[in-house]
Protein backbone atom coordinates (compact mmCIF):
# COMPACT_ATOMS: atom_id res chain seq x y z
CA UNK A 1 -22.10 -17.76 49.48
CA UNK A 2 -22.69 -14.69 47.31
CA UNK A 3 -19.10 -12.92 45.70
CA UNK A 4 -18.11 -9.92 48.18
CA UNK A 5 -18.94 -7.09 45.99
CA UNK A 6 -18.86 -3.91 48.27
CA UNK A 7 -17.04 -3.19 51.35
CA UNK A 8 -19.19 -4.09 53.56
CA UNK A 9 -19.56 -7.55 52.54
CA UNK A 10 -15.81 -7.72 51.80
CA UNK A 11 -15.65 -7.61 55.58
CA UNK A 12 -18.20 -9.52 56.78
CA UNK A 13 -17.43 -12.45 54.27
CA UNK A 14 -13.79 -11.90 54.75
CA UNK A 15 -14.30 -12.07 58.57
CA UNK A 16 -16.79 -15.04 58.25
CA UNK A 17 -15.43 -17.16 56.39
CA UNK A 18 -12.13 -16.98 57.84
CA UNK A 19 -13.79 -17.57 61.57
CA UNK A 20 -15.80 -20.57 59.56
CA UNK A 21 -11.77 -21.69 58.48
CA UNK A 22 -10.47 -21.52 62.52
CA UNK A 23 -13.10 -23.79 63.55
CA UNK A 24 -12.74 -25.99 61.44
CA UNK A 25 -9.36 -26.36 61.81
CA UNK A 26 -8.99 -25.84 65.60
CA UNK A 27 -9.91 -29.15 66.79
CA UNK A 28 -7.53 -30.84 64.28
CA UNK A 29 -4.42 -33.05 66.06
CA UNK A 30 -1.28 -31.74 64.49
CA UNK A 31 -0.66 -34.73 62.45
CA UNK A 32 -4.35 -34.03 61.20
CA UNK A 33 -3.34 -30.40 60.23
CA UNK A 34 0.17 -31.57 58.97
CA UNK A 35 1.06 -35.02 58.00
CA UNK A 36 -2.80 -36.47 56.82
CA UNK A 37 -3.65 -35.61 53.33
CA UNK A 38 -6.79 -33.50 52.51
CA UNK A 39 -6.80 -34.66 48.53
CA UNK A 40 -3.38 -35.54 46.58
CA UNK A 41 -0.58 -35.66 49.02
CA UNK A 42 -1.85 -31.94 50.38
CA UNK A 43 -2.66 -31.39 54.04
CA UNK A 44 -4.39 -29.19 56.14
CA UNK A 45 -1.01 -27.03 56.20
CA UNK A 46 -0.53 -26.83 52.61
CA UNK A 47 -4.16 -25.52 52.37
CA UNK A 48 -3.48 -22.76 54.22
CA UNK A 49 -0.14 -22.18 52.70
CA UNK A 50 -1.66 -22.13 49.65
CA UNK A 51 -4.28 -19.62 50.70
CA UNK A 52 -1.19 -17.56 52.33
CA UNK A 53 0.80 -17.70 48.96
CA UNK A 54 -1.91 -16.29 46.83
CA UNK A 55 -2.53 -13.40 49.51
CA UNK A 56 1.36 -12.51 48.91
CA UNK A 57 0.87 -12.68 45.55
CA UNK A 58 -2.06 -10.36 45.60
CA UNK A 59 -0.34 -7.77 47.71
CA UNK A 60 2.23 -7.87 45.38
CA UNK A 61 0.20 -6.80 42.76
CA UNK A 62 -1.32 -4.27 44.96
CA UNK A 63 1.88 -2.81 45.90
CA UNK A 64 2.87 -2.41 42.30
CA UNK A 65 -0.69 -1.26 41.20
CA UNK A 66 -0.87 1.45 43.34
CA UNK A 67 3.04 2.57 43.05
CA UNK A 68 2.01 3.04 39.01
CA UNK A 69 4.17 -0.08 38.16
CA UNK A 70 2.64 -3.14 35.82
CA UNK A 71 2.26 -5.93 38.26
CA UNK A 72 3.19 -9.37 36.38
CA UNK A 73 -0.26 -11.22 37.01
CA UNK A 74 -0.08 -13.75 38.89
CA UNK A 75 3.44 -13.99 39.12
CA UNK A 76 6.78 -13.26 36.90
CA UNK A 77 7.16 -15.93 34.02
CA UNK A 78 3.31 -17.36 34.75
CA UNK A 79 -0.02 -16.43 33.03
CA UNK A 80 -3.65 -17.54 34.24
CA UNK A 81 -3.33 -20.46 32.12
CA UNK A 82 -0.47 -21.90 34.36
CA UNK A 83 -2.19 -21.80 37.50
CA UNK A 84 -1.52 -25.83 38.10
CA UNK A 85 2.30 -24.90 37.55
CA UNK A 86 2.20 -21.69 39.89
CA UNK A 87 0.04 -23.70 42.62
CA UNK A 88 2.51 -26.19 42.41
CA UNK A 89 5.63 -24.20 42.45
CA UNK A 90 3.71 -22.25 45.21
CA UNK A 91 3.44 -25.88 46.96
CA UNK A 92 7.00 -26.38 46.75
CA UNK A 93 8.03 -23.52 47.98
CA UNK A 94 6.17 -23.82 51.57
CA UNK A 95 6.16 -27.61 51.61
CA UNK A 96 8.92 -28.01 54.41
CA UNK A 97 7.45 -24.76 56.28
CA UNK A 98 6.27 -25.85 59.83
CA UNK A 99 2.56 -25.44 60.66
CA UNK A 100 3.08 -22.75 63.35
CA UNK A 101 4.88 -20.54 60.68
CA UNK A 102 2.31 -21.01 58.14
CA UNK A 103 -0.44 -19.99 60.17
CA UNK A 104 0.99 -16.86 62.07
CA UNK A 105 2.00 -16.04 58.46
CA UNK A 106 -1.41 -16.43 57.14
CA UNK A 107 -2.83 -14.80 60.34
CA UNK A 108 -0.69 -11.51 59.09
CA UNK A 109 -1.99 -11.41 55.79
CA UNK A 110 -5.56 -11.82 56.30
CA UNK A 111 -5.26 -9.13 58.67
CA UNK A 112 -3.18 -6.83 56.05
CA UNK A 113 -6.03 -8.00 53.76
CA UNK A 114 -9.09 -6.88 55.68
CA UNK A 115 -7.10 -3.05 56.77
CA UNK A 116 -6.43 -2.83 53.17
CA UNK A 117 -10.17 -2.89 52.39
CA UNK A 118 -10.97 -0.77 55.36
CA UNK A 119 -8.05 1.82 53.75
CA UNK A 120 -10.58 2.49 50.55
CA UNK A 121 -14.25 3.93 50.00
CA UNK A 122 -16.68 2.14 48.46
CA UNK A 123 -16.11 3.48 45.58
CA UNK A 124 -12.48 3.04 45.31
CA UNK A 125 -13.31 -0.89 45.56
CA UNK A 126 -16.28 -1.00 43.18
CA UNK A 127 -15.69 0.59 40.62
CA UNK A 128 -14.61 -0.80 37.52
CA UNK A 129 -11.37 0.27 35.39
CA UNK A 130 -10.56 2.40 38.40
CA UNK A 131 -7.15 1.27 38.77
CA UNK A 132 -5.23 0.51 35.58
CA UNK A 133 -3.65 -3.07 37.06
CA UNK A 134 -6.52 -4.56 37.84
CA UNK A 135 -7.61 -4.64 33.79
CA UNK A 136 -11.47 -4.37 33.19
CA UNK A 137 -12.51 -5.43 37.13
CA UNK A 138 -13.08 -3.98 39.61
CA UNK A 139 -10.51 -4.21 43.40
CA UNK A 140 -13.24 -5.74 45.43
CA UNK A 141 -12.95 -8.64 43.05
CA UNK A 142 -9.62 -9.17 43.43
CA UNK A 143 -9.68 -8.52 47.28
CA UNK A 144 -12.80 -11.12 47.59
CA UNK A 145 -10.96 -13.70 45.30
CA UNK A 146 -7.83 -13.05 47.89
CA UNK A 147 -9.97 -13.83 51.08
CA UNK A 148 -13.17 -14.78 51.19
CA UNK A 149 -14.02 -16.94 48.05
CA UNK A 150 -10.38 -18.56 48.57
CA UNK A 151 -11.41 -19.47 52.18
CA UNK A 152 -14.44 -21.37 50.82
CA UNK A 153 -12.55 -23.38 48.58
CA UNK A 154 -10.28 -24.35 51.28
CA UNK A 155 -13.42 -24.88 53.84
CA UNK A 156 -14.60 -27.28 51.30
CA UNK A 157 -12.00 -29.25 50.83
CA UNK A 158 -11.64 -29.65 54.73
CA UNK A 159 -15.51 -30.14 55.25
CA UNK A 160 -14.36 -33.30 53.35
CA UNK A 161 -11.65 -34.55 54.90
CA UNK A 162 -12.86 -33.89 58.35
CA UNK A 163 -15.97 -36.55 57.22
CA UNK A 164 -13.43 -38.81 55.95
CA UNK A 165 -11.62 -39.04 59.03
CA UNK A 166 -14.89 -39.31 61.36
CA UNK A 167 -15.85 -42.50 58.49
């Protein structure tokens, strides 16, 4: 799937990949979602928590950036080179949360991001350097990274997991 580059694509791809994710996990049992590792020691619940955590990071960047502040991207005390350590921190932060809480939170953050896309014009989303906090890129790239592109990553892992379950 190509990266969403317009308002229409952000909405379409975000909705499509979200629906694919829902369909993939819909028939998994509670144990398969919350206890059976997908890769390393991470479960489907942990993958959804990861998506949610990165959406919260984006929403913080957005809120601070649009308030003319300089958000600490990706997170305070972390650089992009520190992604493995940041991902581990996020995993630890959400590892004890229930499936129900994680899924409910993820549904809400997905809806917030889709509403955010709708608030902006195509030009606001796709103009590079439009917002100082996005640096040399555009808002659409950040939004795609927090939604459809990240969903595709999780979908790939869950598909492989389900093939392994089927034996």
